[in-house]
Each structure stands twice: as structure tokens, then as C-alpha cells.
């Protein structure tokens, strides 16, 4: 009997997984969620920080959202299928971005996977983001601080339902995030109102939500492509800016060289604003700073 007992103990020790000195057992994950769009991923990760909710970005960091659909239909299909099988939810923007195909692709691999739409709750329990009149594509709606706060509300609400034990931690993260959004909007409004010349002109199709969200005085927009800025077009723009006494020209990228040089010679200041959203709150801060620095 002693020999048998010894063998049983020895076998149990041999078959068990050892815990090395200094190792701390990791808590079991409460939920795994997938995201692709940079703003959605950053926002979800911010709200899940310090919880047992794991947030996985299923596209390369450098891949722009406009190429996500092609990625999931091609070289990223197998990786997404593997990730979706083990995931509990997908966070996306399907309500305002028709090209968001993450959830449909994930559902093919996992019928039970839950959709969290950061722009508009699937169950209608909270208000969604406000789109501009006639705007069917809300890809850049997060640039409006009110919309960013609503997106945080929506994501936090569903994360708390996915992982009830972490609901309090998610609520704390949400409250802190929204305090920063409100503080930034209030401070920006105060400082923008004090500008010597608050009139802006936009050369970008991505910044409308930022302009309206921060109540900037927009004189007009010219959205022509870089290669369409002929000498005549540049001259006409300068005349328009001068006539309207525009203080700052806004763009999401540096203007083409000829246009940039003409604006500089005419004394027109240019502010290049962030629109990618890898860190949405910091992007808004940087955009506010860019405008203040250009005035």
C-alpha cells in the first residue's frame, strides 16, 4: 500500500504544471473583444485598462481603415477566423461606416459573437453619434468631442454587460475619460474664442466634425485633390481667403508644395490636423494645440 501511495503521489507531481518561484498565476479573462478601426481599438482598450477584458486588434497597426475590407478578404482572413472563434464580441462602426466588415467576417467563424457598435447601440439603449446633415459616412465623427463621449458611453455600457465583475472598473475608466473630453472641449472653446482671428477655411474632407464640434468659424471648403491645384486655382483661393479675412487654413495633411509656398508668401497660416485616431483624445488635444499655434 505504501508503495502504491508513493507511486500515485509521484505521478501526480509529475503530471502537474509546476509554479516556479516568483510566478503569479494570471486571472482568467472575463471577455475577449476584437477591434480593427484605430479609434475603436484605442477607445475600447482605454476603457478596458486594468480589467480582465482582453482587447485584440485584428489588423496591422499601419493598415488604414480604407484597406480593412481587402485585408479581411485576403491575407488577414485566416487570422481573423482564428481570433473570432475564441472571442466574445466585436467592436466596430457599422452604423456609420458602410465599409466596416469586421463583424460579418467574425460571425462567419463564430455564430455567437456579439456586435458592439461604437457609433450606435444595436439595442438602442443609448443615443448614438450625431451625423452631419446629408452625411452618410461617419468615419470621422469621433473628431467631435460630443460624439467621442457618446462612443465611450456605448462601448463601456456593453463591456460592463460582457464582464459584470469588471463593471465598476469600466465605469471608473469611463468617468475619467469623459472628464478629460469635457475639460478639453471647455478649455478649447475658451481659448478659441480669444483668438485674434478665429475664421478658418478647410481643404480637407475629414475635418468637418472637428470644426463643428469645436464651434470654429468656418468660411468655406475647397476639397480638390493635390494635383488639381493649378496656378489659377491657387490664385483664386488666395483671393477668397483675403476677401474673407481667413485666419487659418486647415488640412489633414501638408498641402502640395506649390500651394503651401503660395499660402506662406501670402501670410496665410496652415494648421495640419490629426485624423487617424490612434489615440483619439490625444489627437483632439494636438489639433487644438495646432490651431492655437497657427494663430
C-alpha atoms as a PDB file:
ATOM      1  CA  UNK A   1       0.000   0.000   0.000  1.00  0.00           C
ATOM      2  CA  UNK A   2       2.801   2.390   0.868  1.00  0.00           C
ATOM      3  CA  UNK A   3       4.460   1.693  -2.446  1.00  0.00           C
ATOM      4  CA  UNK A   4       1.179   2.310  -4.326  1.00  0.00           C
ATOM      5  CA  UNK A   5       0.560   5.577  -2.444  1.00  0.00           C
ATOM      6  CA  UNK A   6       4.076   6.724  -3.221  1.00  0.00           C
ATOM      7  CA  UNK A   7       3.584   5.970  -6.915  1.00  0.00           C
ATOM      8  CA  UNK A   8       0.282   7.883  -7.015  1.00  0.00           C
ATOM      9  CA  UNK A   9       1.824  10.973  -5.400  1.00  0.00           C
ATOM     10  CA  UNK A  10       4.837  10.786  -7.689  1.00  0.00           C
ATOM     11  CA  UNK A  11       2.599  10.520 -10.749  1.00  0.00           C
ATOM     12  CA  UNK A  12       0.503  13.490  -9.625  1.00  0.00           C
ATOM     13  CA  UNK A  13       3.599  15.603  -9.133  1.00  0.00           C
ATOM     14  CA  UNK A  14       4.999  14.590 -12.496  1.00  0.00           C
ATOM     15  CA  UNK A  15       1.758  15.370 -14.348  1.00  0.00           C
ATOM     16  CA  UNK A  16       1.028  18.704 -12.686  1.00  0.00           C
ATOM     17  CA  UNK A  17       2.082  22.059 -14.116  1.00  0.00           C
ATOM     18  CA  UNK A  18       4.812  23.497 -11.876  1.00  0.00           C
ATOM     19  CA  UNK A  19       4.563  27.038 -10.495  1.00  0.00           C
ATOM     20  CA  UNK A  20       8.087  28.447 -10.421  1.00  0.00           C
ATOM     21  CA  UNK A  21       9.262  30.651  -7.604  1.00  0.00           C
ATOM     22  CA  UNK A  22       8.157  34.242  -8.167  1.00  0.00           C
ATOM     23  CA  UNK A  23       5.427  33.389 -10.689  1.00  0.00           C
ATOM     24  CA  UNK A  24       1.955  34.799 -10.056  1.00  0.00           C
ATOM     25  CA  UNK A  25      -0.985  32.867 -11.514  1.00  0.00           C
ATOM     26  CA  UNK A  26      -2.778  35.016 -14.094  1.00  0.00           C
ATOM     27  CA  UNK A  27      -6.512  35.608 -13.587  1.00  0.00           C
ATOM     28  CA  UNK A  28      -8.853  34.097 -16.127  1.00  0.00           C
ATOM     29  CA  UNK A  29     -10.045  36.505 -18.803  1.00  0.00           C
ATOM     30  CA  UNK A  30     -13.605  37.733 -18.378  1.00  0.00           C
ATOM     31  CA  UNK A  31     -14.073  38.509 -22.075  1.00  0.00           C
ATOM     32  CA  UNK A  32     -12.149  38.855 -25.315  1.00  0.00           C
ATOM     33  CA  UNK A  33     -13.180  41.551 -27.782  1.00  0.00           C
ATOM     34  CA  UNK A  34     -11.902  42.260 -31.288  1.00  0.00           C
ATOM     35  CA  UNK A  35     -11.463  45.663 -32.929  1.00  0.00           C
ATOM     36  CA  UNK A  36      -9.987  46.967 -36.158  1.00  0.00           C
ATOM     37  CA  UNK A  37     -10.605  50.696 -36.617  1.00  0.00           C
ATOM     38  CA  UNK A  38      -7.876  52.641 -34.768  1.00  0.00           C
ATOM     39  CA  UNK A  39     -10.287  54.906 -32.882  1.00  0.00           C
ATOM     40  CA  UNK A  40     -12.466  51.989 -31.806  1.00  0.00           C
ATOM     41  CA  UNK A  41      -9.474  49.926 -30.731  1.00  0.00           C
ATOM     42  CA  UNK A  42      -7.892  52.778 -28.763  1.00  0.00           C
ATOM     43  CA  UNK A  43     -11.166  53.690 -27.072  1.00  0.00           C
ATOM     44  CA  UNK A  44     -12.011  50.097 -26.144  1.00  0.00           C
ATOM     45  CA  UNK A  45      -8.534  49.452 -24.806  1.00  0.00           C
ATOM     46  CA  UNK A  46      -8.689  52.649 -22.740  1.00  0.00           C
ATOM     47  CA  UNK A  47     -11.961  51.585 -21.130  1.00  0.00           C
ATOM     48  CA  UNK A  48     -10.778  48.012 -20.512  1.00  0.00           C
ATOM     49  CA  UNK A  49      -7.461  49.012 -18.928  1.00  0.00           C
ATOM     50  CA  UNK A  50      -6.999  47.320 -15.561  1.00  0.00           C
ATOM     51  CA  UNK A  51      -9.815  44.818 -16.119  1.00  0.00           C
ATOM     52  CA  UNK A  52      -9.888  41.174 -17.208  1.00  0.00           C
ATOM     53  CA  UNK A  53     -11.229  42.192 -20.625  1.00  0.00           C
ATOM     54  CA  UNK A  54      -8.735  41.487 -23.384  1.00  0.00           C
ATOM     55  CA  UNK A  55      -8.864  43.756 -26.448  1.00  0.00           C
ATOM     56  CA  UNK A  56      -7.282  42.415 -29.630  1.00  0.00           C
ATOM     57  CA  UNK A  57      -6.621  44.490 -32.736  1.00  0.00           C
ATOM     58  CA  UNK A  58      -7.042  42.187 -35.715  1.00  0.00           C
ATOM     59  CA  UNK A  59      -5.361  44.345 -38.360  1.00  0.00           C
ATOM     60  CA  UNK A  60      -1.775  45.646 -38.589  1.00  0.00           C
ATOM     61  CA  UNK A  61      -1.300  48.996 -36.850  1.00  0.00           C
ATOM     62  CA  UNK A  62      -0.171  50.641 -40.080  1.00  0.00           C
ATOM     63  CA  UNK A  63      -3.115  49.496 -42.212  1.00  0.00           C
ATOM     64  CA  UNK A  64      -5.581  52.366 -42.877  1.00  0.00           C
ATOM     65  CA  UNK A  65      -9.297  51.685 -42.367  1.00  0.00           C
ATOM     66  CA  UNK A  66      -9.964  52.067 -46.088  1.00  0.00           C
ATOM     67  CA  UNK A  67      -7.996  48.850 -46.655  1.00  0.00           C
ATOM     68  CA  UNK A  68      -9.532  46.737 -43.894  1.00  0.00           C
ATOM     69  CA  UNK A  69     -12.119  45.088 -46.150  1.00  0.00           C
ATOM     70  CA  UNK A  70      -9.479  43.957 -48.631  1.00  0.00           C
ATOM     71  CA  UNK A  71      -7.335  42.661 -45.754  1.00  0.00           C
ATOM     72  CA  UNK A  72     -10.148  40.542 -44.280  1.00  0.00           C
ATOM     73  CA  UNK A  73     -10.990  39.185 -47.712  1.00  0.00           C
ATOM     74  CA  UNK A  74      -7.367  38.286 -48.374  1.00  0.00           C
ATOM     75  CA  UNK A  75      -4.258  37.735 -46.306  1.00  0.00           C
ATOM     76  CA  UNK A  76      -5.952  38.520 -42.981  1.00  0.00           C
ATOM     77  CA  UNK A  77      -8.871  36.118 -43.376  1.00  0.00           C
ATOM     78  CA  UNK A  78      -7.320  33.112 -41.631  1.00  0.00           C
ATOM     79  CA  UNK A  79      -6.026  35.127 -38.664  1.00  0.00           C
ATOM     80  CA  UNK A  80      -9.410  36.782 -38.149  1.00  0.00           C
ATOM     81  CA  UNK A  81     -11.161  33.417 -38.282  1.00  0.00           C
ATOM     82  CA  UNK A  82      -8.873  32.042 -35.561  1.00  0.00           C
ATOM     83  CA  UNK A  83      -9.335  35.113 -33.376  1.00  0.00           C
ATOM     84  CA  UNK A  84     -13.108  35.164 -33.837  1.00  0.00           C
ATOM     85  CA  UNK A  85     -13.509  31.546 -32.709  1.00  0.00           C
ATOM     86  CA  UNK A  86     -12.233  32.477 -29.240  1.00  0.00           C
ATOM     87  CA  UNK A  87     -13.748  35.972 -28.999  1.00  0.00           C
ATOM     88  CA  UNK A  88     -16.873  37.117 -27.189  1.00  0.00           C
ATOM     89  CA  UNK A  89     -17.530  40.376 -29.023  1.00  0.00           C
ATOM     90  CA  UNK A  90     -16.530  42.644 -31.882  1.00  0.00           C
ATOM     91  CA  UNK A  91     -16.420  46.439 -31.564  1.00  0.00           C
ATOM     92  CA  UNK A  92     -16.969  48.355 -34.786  1.00  0.00           C
ATOM     93  CA  UNK A  93     -18.637  51.288 -36.530  1.00  0.00           C
ATOM     94  CA  UNK A  94     -21.056  49.605 -38.930  1.00  0.00           C
ATOM     95  CA  UNK A  95     -23.879  52.065 -38.214  1.00  0.00           C
ATOM     96  CA  UNK A  96     -21.918  54.969 -39.697  1.00  0.00           C
ATOM     97  CA  UNK A  97     -19.297  53.268 -41.850  1.00  0.00           C
ATOM     98  CA  UNK A  98     -20.603  51.029 -44.613  1.00  0.00           C
ATOM     99  CA  UNK A  99     -17.166  49.518 -45.274  1.00  0.00           C
ATOM    100  CA  UNK A 100     -16.822  48.134 -41.742  1.00  0.00           C
ATOM    101  CA  UNK A 101     -16.874  44.388 -42.459  1.00  0.00           C
ATOM    102  CA  UNK A 102     -15.249  43.144 -39.244  1.00  0.00           C
ATOM    103  CA  UNK A 103     -18.408  41.813 -37.596  1.00  0.00           C
ATOM    104  CA  UNK A 104     -19.828  39.952 -40.630  1.00  0.00           C
ATOM    105  CA  UNK A 105     -16.475  38.240 -41.173  1.00  0.00           C
ATOM    106  CA  UNK A 106     -16.099  37.378 -37.481  1.00  0.00           C
ATOM    107  CA  UNK A 107     -19.634  35.974 -37.313  1.00  0.00           C
ATOM    108  CA  UNK A 108     -18.843  33.503 -40.090  1.00  0.00           C
ATOM    109  CA  UNK A 109     -16.382  31.854 -37.714  1.00  0.00           C
ATOM    110  CA  UNK A 110     -18.402  32.289 -34.520  1.00  0.00           C
ATOM    111  CA  UNK A 111     -22.187  32.471 -34.687  1.00  0.00           C
ATOM    112  CA  UNK A 112     -22.437  33.531 -31.030  1.00  0.00           C
ATOM    113  CA  UNK A 113     -20.094  36.511 -31.236  1.00  0.00           C
ATOM    114  CA  UNK A 114     -21.695  39.774 -30.053  1.00  0.00           C
ATOM    115  CA  UNK A 115     -21.624  43.026 -32.014  1.00  0.00           C
ATOM    116  CA  UNK A 116     -20.851  46.273 -30.183  1.00  0.00           C
ATOM    117  CA  UNK A 117     -21.399  49.237 -32.485  1.00  0.00           C
ATOM    118  CA  UNK A 118     -19.487  52.160 -31.020  1.00  0.00           C
ATOM    119  CA  UNK A 119     -21.444  54.670 -33.097  1.00  0.00           C
ATOM    120  CA  UNK A 120     -24.971  53.496 -32.395  1.00  0.00           C
ATOM    121  CA  UNK A 121     -26.102  50.850 -29.875  1.00  0.00           C
ATOM    122  CA  UNK A 122     -27.536  47.785 -31.557  1.00  0.00           C
ATOM    123  CA  UNK A 123     -30.336  47.679 -28.953  1.00  0.00           C
ATOM    124  CA  UNK A 124     -30.976  51.437 -28.991  1.00  0.00           C
ATOM    125  CA  UNK A 125     -30.449  51.845 -25.249  1.00  0.00           C
ATOM    126  CA  UNK A 126     -28.199  54.923 -25.577  1.00  0.00           C
ATOM    127  CA  UNK A 127     -28.006  57.852 -28.003  1.00  0.00           C
ATOM    128  CA  UNK A 128     -25.641  57.302 -30.903  1.00  0.00           C
ATOM    129  CA  UNK A 129     -23.264  59.739 -32.545  1.00  0.00           C
ATOM    130  CA  UNK A 130     -24.759  62.742 -34.316  1.00  0.00           C
ATOM    131  CA  UNK A 131     -24.058  62.788 -38.037  1.00  0.00           C
ATOM    132  CA  UNK A 132     -23.968  65.968 -40.072  1.00  0.00           C
ATOM    133  CA  UNK A 133     -26.976  66.602 -42.300  1.00  0.00           C
ATOM    134  CA  UNK A 134     -26.605  64.684 -45.534  1.00  0.00           C
ATOM    135  CA  UNK A 135     -23.515  62.846 -44.297  1.00  0.00           C
ATOM    136  CA  UNK A 136     -23.835  59.098 -44.806  1.00  0.00           C
ATOM    137  CA  UNK A 137     -20.253  58.340 -43.747  1.00  0.00           C
ATOM    138  CA  UNK A 138     -19.438  58.993 -40.104  1.00  0.00           C
ATOM    139  CA  UNK A 139     -15.910  57.615 -40.197  1.00  0.00           C
ATOM    140  CA  UNK A 140     -14.538  60.846 -38.716  1.00  0.00           C
ATOM    141  CA  UNK A 141     -17.456  61.595 -36.383  1.00  0.00           C
ATOM    142  CA  UNK A 142     -15.183  60.985 -33.374  1.00  0.00           C
ATOM    143  CA  UNK A 143     -13.432  64.308 -34.072  1.00  0.00           C
ATOM    144  CA  UNK A 144     -16.457  65.974 -32.475  1.00  0.00           C
ATOM    145  CA  UNK A 145     -15.856  65.697 -28.699  1.00  0.00           C
ATOM    146  CA  UNK A 146     -19.562  65.151 -28.027  1.00  0.00           C
ATOM    147  CA  UNK A 147     -19.554  62.177 -30.372  1.00  0.00           C
ATOM    148  CA  UNK A 148     -16.373  60.794 -28.811  1.00  0.00           C
ATOM    149  CA  UNK A 149     -18.030  60.913 -25.399  1.00  0.00           C
ATOM    150  CA  UNK A 150     -21.096  59.101 -26.733  1.00  0.00           C
ATOM    151  CA  UNK A 151     -18.923  56.415 -28.284  1.00  0.00           C
ATOM    152  CA  UNK A 152     -17.231  55.887 -24.928  1.00  0.00           C
ATOM    153  CA  UNK A 153     -20.640  55.550 -23.243  1.00  0.00           C
ATOM    154  CA  UNK A 154     -21.778  52.922 -25.747  1.00  0.00           C
ATOM    155  CA  UNK A 155     -18.631  50.803 -25.571  1.00  0.00           C
ATOM    156  CA  UNK A 156     -18.403  50.991 -21.772  1.00  0.00           C
ATOM    157  CA  UNK A 157     -22.062  50.004 -21.394  1.00  0.00           C
ATOM    158  CA  UNK A 158     -21.594  46.807 -23.380  1.00  0.00           C
ATOM    159  CA  UNK A 159     -18.199  45.953 -21.887  1.00  0.00           C
ATOM    160  CA  UNK A 160     -19.791  46.099 -18.443  1.00  0.00           C
ATOM    161  CA  UNK A 161     -22.506  43.693 -19.580  1.00  0.00           C
ATOM    162  CA  UNK A 162     -19.940  41.314 -21.073  1.00  0.00           C
ATOM    163  CA  UNK A 163     -17.903  41.284 -17.864  1.00  0.00           C
ATOM    164  CA  UNK A 164     -20.174  42.178 -14.906  1.00  0.00           C
ATOM    165  CA  UNK A 165     -17.399  41.580 -12.379  1.00  0.00           C
ATOM    166  CA  UNK A 166     -15.386  44.346 -14.071  1.00  0.00           C
ATOM    167  CA  UNK A 167     -18.302  46.759 -14.500  1.00  0.00           C
ATOM    168  CA  UNK A 168     -17.180  49.061 -11.688  1.00  0.00           C
ATOM    169  CA  UNK A 169     -13.666  49.333 -13.102  1.00  0.00           C
ATOM    170  CA  UNK A 170     -15.026  50.078 -16.574  1.00  0.00           C
ATOM    171  CA  UNK A 171     -17.315  52.750 -15.107  1.00  0.00           C
ATOM    172  CA  UNK A 172     -14.358  54.414 -13.407  1.00  0.00           C
ATOM    173  CA  UNK A 173     -12.369  54.420 -16.646  1.00  0.00           C
ATOM    174  CA  UNK A 174     -15.354  55.867 -18.496  1.00  0.00           C
ATOM    175  CA  UNK A 175     -15.844  58.651 -15.959  1.00  0.00           C
ATOM    176  CA  UNK A 176     -12.178  59.629 -16.106  1.00  0.00           C
ATOM    177  CA  UNK A 177     -12.150  59.596 -19.911  1.00  0.00           C
ATOM    178  CA  UNK A 178     -15.272  61.725 -20.212  1.00  0.00           C
ATOM    179  CA  UNK A 179     -13.976  64.224 -17.671  1.00  0.00           C
ATOM    180  CA  UNK A 180     -10.948  64.753 -19.905  1.00  0.00           C
ATOM    181  CA  UNK A 181     -13.118  65.147 -23.011  1.00  0.00           C
ATOM    182  CA  UNK A 182     -15.337  67.734 -21.304  1.00  0.00           C
ATOM    183  CA  UNK A 183     -12.349  69.591 -19.883  1.00  0.00           C
ATOM    184  CA  UNK A 184     -10.650  69.697 -23.277  1.00  0.00           C
ATOM    185  CA  UNK A 185     -13.773  70.950 -25.063  1.00  0.00           C
ATOM    186  CA  UNK A 186     -14.352  73.680 -22.489  1.00  0.00           C
ATOM    187  CA  UNK A 187     -10.734  74.833 -22.493  1.00  0.00           C
ATOM    188  CA  UNK A 188     -10.566  74.797 -26.289  1.00  0.00           C
ATOM    189  CA  UNK A 189     -13.784  76.790 -26.552  1.00  0.00           C
ATOM    190  CA  UNK A 190     -12.451  79.418 -24.188  1.00  0.00           C
ATOM    191  CA  UNK A 191      -9.126  79.736 -25.996  1.00  0.00           C
ATOM    192  CA  UNK A 192     -10.621  79.674 -29.496  1.00  0.00           C
ATOM    193  CA  UNK A 193     -12.991  82.493 -28.511  1.00  0.00           C
ATOM    194  CA  UNK A 194      -9.978  84.586 -27.527  1.00  0.00           C
ATOM    195  CA  UNK A 195      -8.183  84.204 -30.881  1.00  0.00           C
ATOM    196  CA  UNK A 196      -7.422  87.401 -32.770  1.00  0.00           C
ATOM    197  CA  UNK A 197      -8.861  85.846 -35.935  1.00  0.00           C
ATOM    198  CA  UNK A 198     -10.963  82.700 -35.398  1.00  0.00           C
ATOM    199  CA  UNK A 199     -12.096  82.334 -39.040  1.00  0.00           C
ATOM    200  CA  UNK A 200     -10.931  79.074 -40.667  1.00  0.00           C
ATOM    201  CA  UNK A 201     -11.023  77.591 -44.162  1.00  0.00           C
ATOM    202  CA  UNK A 202     -10.824  73.835 -44.789  1.00  0.00           C
ATOM    203  CA  UNK A 203      -9.006  71.979 -47.551  1.00  0.00           C
ATOM    204  CA  UNK A 204      -9.966  68.578 -46.110  1.00  0.00           C
ATOM    205  CA  UNK A 205     -12.988  66.294 -46.279  1.00  0.00           C
ATOM    206  CA  UNK A 206     -12.046  64.743 -42.926  1.00  0.00           C
ATOM    207  CA  UNK A 207     -12.246  67.694 -40.544  1.00  0.00           C
ATOM    208  CA  UNK A 208     -15.897  68.761 -40.683  1.00  0.00           C
ATOM    209  CA  UNK A 209     -16.755  67.091 -37.379  1.00  0.00           C
ATOM    210  CA  UNK A 210     -13.816  68.733 -35.644  1.00  0.00           C
ATOM    211  CA  UNK A 211     -14.800  72.147 -36.999  1.00  0.00           C
ATOM    212  CA  UNK A 212     -18.436  71.868 -35.921  1.00  0.00           C
ATOM    213  CA  UNK A 213     -17.632  70.057 -32.673  1.00  0.00           C
ATOM    214  CA  UNK A 214     -15.336  72.851 -31.507  1.00  0.00           C
ATOM    215  CA  UNK A 215     -17.559  75.621 -32.914  1.00  0.00           C
ATOM    216  CA  UNK A 216     -14.942  77.050 -35.244  1.00  0.00           C
ATOM    217  CA  UNK A 217     -15.995  79.850 -37.595  1.00  0.00           C
ATOM    218  CA  UNK A 218     -15.812  78.132 -40.992  1.00  0.00           C
ATOM    219  CA  UNK A 219     -15.621  80.427 -44.014  1.00  0.00           C
ATOM    220  CA  UNK A 220     -15.638  77.662 -46.605  1.00  0.00           C
ATOM    221  CA  UNK A 221     -14.131  74.483 -48.029  1.00  0.00           C
ATOM    222  CA  UNK A 222     -12.185  73.535 -51.140  1.00  0.00           C
ATOM    223  CA  UNK A 223     -11.713  69.771 -51.367  1.00  0.00           C
ATOM    224  CA  UNK A 224      -9.899  69.427 -54.660  1.00  0.00           C
ATOM    225  CA  UNK A 225      -7.133  66.831 -54.991  1.00  0.00           C
ATOM    226  CA  UNK A 226      -3.499  67.853 -54.629  1.00  0.00           C
ATOM    227  CA  UNK A 227      -2.829  67.553 -58.360  1.00  0.00           C
ATOM    228  CA  UNK A 228      -5.735  69.882 -59.161  1.00  0.00           C
ATOM    229  CA  UNK A 229      -4.151  72.952 -57.597  1.00  0.00           C
ATOM    230  CA  UNK A 230      -3.260  74.799 -60.773  1.00  0.00           C
ATOM    231  CA  UNK A 231      -1.774  78.321 -60.605  1.00  0.00           C
ATOM    232  CA  UNK A 232      -5.220  79.684 -61.410  1.00  0.00           C
ATOM    233  CA  UNK A 233      -6.830  77.655 -58.616  1.00  0.00           C
ATOM    234  CA  UNK A 234      -4.202  78.800 -56.123  1.00  0.00           C
ATOM    235  CA  UNK A 235      -4.704  82.431 -57.135  1.00  0.00           C
ATOM    236  CA  UNK A 236      -8.480  82.143 -56.782  1.00  0.00           C
ATOM    237  CA  UNK A 237      -8.112  80.581 -53.332  1.00  0.00           C
ATOM    238  CA  UNK A 238      -5.800  83.351 -52.136  1.00  0.00           C
ATOM    239  CA  UNK A 239      -8.273  85.975 -53.306  1.00  0.00           C
ATOM    240  CA  UNK A 240     -11.084  84.210 -51.483  1.00  0.00           C
ATOM    241  CA  UNK A 241      -9.089  83.890 -48.275  1.00  0.00           C
ATOM    242  CA  UNK A 242      -8.078  87.542 -48.395  1.00  0.00           C
ATOM    243  CA  UNK A 243     -11.627  88.749 -49.071  1.00  0.00           C
ATOM    244  CA  UNK A 244     -12.996  86.768 -46.120  1.00  0.00           C
ATOM    245  CA  UNK A 245     -10.084  87.660 -43.826  1.00  0.00           C
ATOM    246  CA  UNK A 246      -9.432  83.979 -43.079  1.00  0.00           C
ATOM    247  CA  UNK A 247      -7.064  83.417 -40.176  1.00  0.00           C
ATOM    248  CA  UNK A 248      -6.140  79.746 -40.586  1.00  0.00           C
ATOM    249  CA  UNK A 249      -6.344  77.128 -43.328  1.00  0.00           C
ATOM    250  CA  UNK A 250      -6.958  73.569 -42.090  1.00  0.00           C
ATOM    251  CA  UNK A 251      -5.884  70.305 -43.692  1.00  0.00           C
ATOM    252  CA  UNK A 252      -5.337  66.699 -42.575  1.00  0.00           C
ATOM    253  CA  UNK A 253      -2.023  66.579 -44.437  1.00  0.00           C
ATOM    254  CA  UNK A 254       0.574  69.051 -45.637  1.00  0.00           C
ATOM    255  CA  UNK A 255      -0.685  70.939 -48.726  1.00  0.00           C
ATOM    256  CA  UNK A 256       1.157  70.358 -52.009  1.00  0.00           C
ATOM    257  CA  UNK A 257       4.392  72.315 -52.250  1.00  0.00           C
ATOM    258  CA  UNK A 258       3.205  74.994 -54.691  1.00  0.00           C
ATOM    259  CA  UNK A 259       0.078  75.713 -52.657  1.00  0.00           C
ATOM    260  CA  UNK A 260       1.958  75.700 -49.351  1.00  0.00           C
ATOM    261  CA  UNK A 261       4.510  78.169 -50.709  1.00  0.00           C
ATOM    262  CA  UNK A 262       1.797  80.469 -52.052  1.00  0.00           C
ATOM    263  CA  UNK A 263      -0.036  80.439 -48.718  1.00  0.00           C
ATOM    264  CA  UNK A 264       3.170  81.199 -46.870  1.00  0.00           C
ATOM    265  CA  UNK A 265       4.016  84.124 -49.151  1.00  0.00           C
ATOM    266  CA  UNK A 266       0.515  85.487 -48.687  1.00  0.00           C
ATOM    267  CA  UNK A 267       0.873  85.309 -44.912  1.00  0.00           C
ATOM    268  CA  UNK A 268      -1.821  82.646 -44.544  1.00  0.00           C
ATOM    269  CA  UNK A 269      -1.196  80.213 -41.716  1.00  0.00           C
ATOM    270  CA  UNK A 270      -1.817  76.485 -42.130  1.00  0.00           C
ATOM    271  CA  UNK A 271      -2.699  74.004 -39.373  1.00  0.00           C
ATOM    272  CA  UNK A 272      -2.287  70.314 -40.217  1.00  0.00           C
ATOM    273  CA  UNK A 273      -4.653  68.308 -38.019  1.00  0.00           C
ATOM    274  CA  UNK A 274      -4.700  64.650 -36.974  1.00  0.00           C
ATOM    275  CA  UNK A 275      -7.478  62.482 -38.378  1.00  0.00           C
ATOM    276  CA  UNK A 276      -6.199  58.908 -37.968  1.00  0.00           C
ATOM    277  CA  UNK A 277      -7.222  58.465 -34.335  1.00  0.00           C
ATOM    278  CA  UNK A 278      -4.661  56.017 -32.958  1.00  0.00           C
ATOM    279  CA  UNK A 279      -5.100  57.929 -29.689  1.00  0.00           C
ATOM    280  CA  UNK A 280      -8.335  59.890 -30.153  1.00  0.00           C
ATOM    281  CA  UNK A 281      -8.212  62.050 -27.037  1.00  0.00           C
ATOM    282  CA  UNK A 282      -4.578  62.983 -27.608  1.00  0.00           C
ATOM    283  CA  UNK A 283      -5.378  63.672 -31.264  1.00  0.00           C
ATOM    284  CA  UNK A 284      -8.005  66.213 -30.219  1.00  0.00           C
ATOM    285  CA  UNK A 285      -5.532  67.824 -27.834  1.00  0.00           C
ATOM    286  CA  UNK A 286      -2.904  68.020 -30.563  1.00  0.00           C
ATOM    287  CA  UNK A 287      -5.393  69.504 -33.023  1.00  0.00           C
ATOM    288  CA  UNK A 288      -6.397  72.215 -30.578  1.00  0.00           C
ATOM    289  CA  UNK A 289      -2.731  72.997 -29.967  1.00  0.00           C
ATOM    290  CA  UNK A 290      -2.042  73.133 -33.712  1.00  0.00           C
ATOM    291  CA  UNK A 291      -4.775  75.710 -34.266  1.00  0.00           C
ATOM    292  CA  UNK A 292      -3.690  77.827 -31.332  1.00  0.00           C
ATOM    293  CA  UNK A 293      -0.091  77.660 -32.527  1.00  0.00           C
ATOM    294  CA  UNK A 294      -1.038  78.734 -36.051  1.00  0.00           C
ATOM    295  CA  UNK A 295      -2.934  81.819 -34.936  1.00  0.00           C
END
